[in-house]
Amino acid sequence: MILLLTSDNKLLMQWKGPFKVIERINGCDYCIQLRNKQKIFHASMLKRYMSAETGKSKKSMLPHSEDLDTQLTHATILEPVEDLNLGT
């Protein structure tokens, strides 16, 4: 998926795709096959396509995807802020 400007509002961006990754260039740049041409995008403008049926990513979309199979889980523990009366 590629993060692209919307046609209605030039200040809004939305994910479009999926598109096929042709090759990885210079570490963080990828050559992407659009409908009728190829264009280079930085990795920050791309995300892996997740199919709705399986919920699994399509490995064939990104080259060297074996490194991307690790799932990360983040958790945040929020504790209530106690009333800090500093003697005033």
Foldseek 3Di string as FASTA:
>chain_A
DFWAADPPDRVDTDDDDDWAFPADDPPFKTWTDDPPDIDIDGNVGDDFDQDPPPRDTDQRRDPPCVVVPDDDDDDDDDDDDDDDDPPD
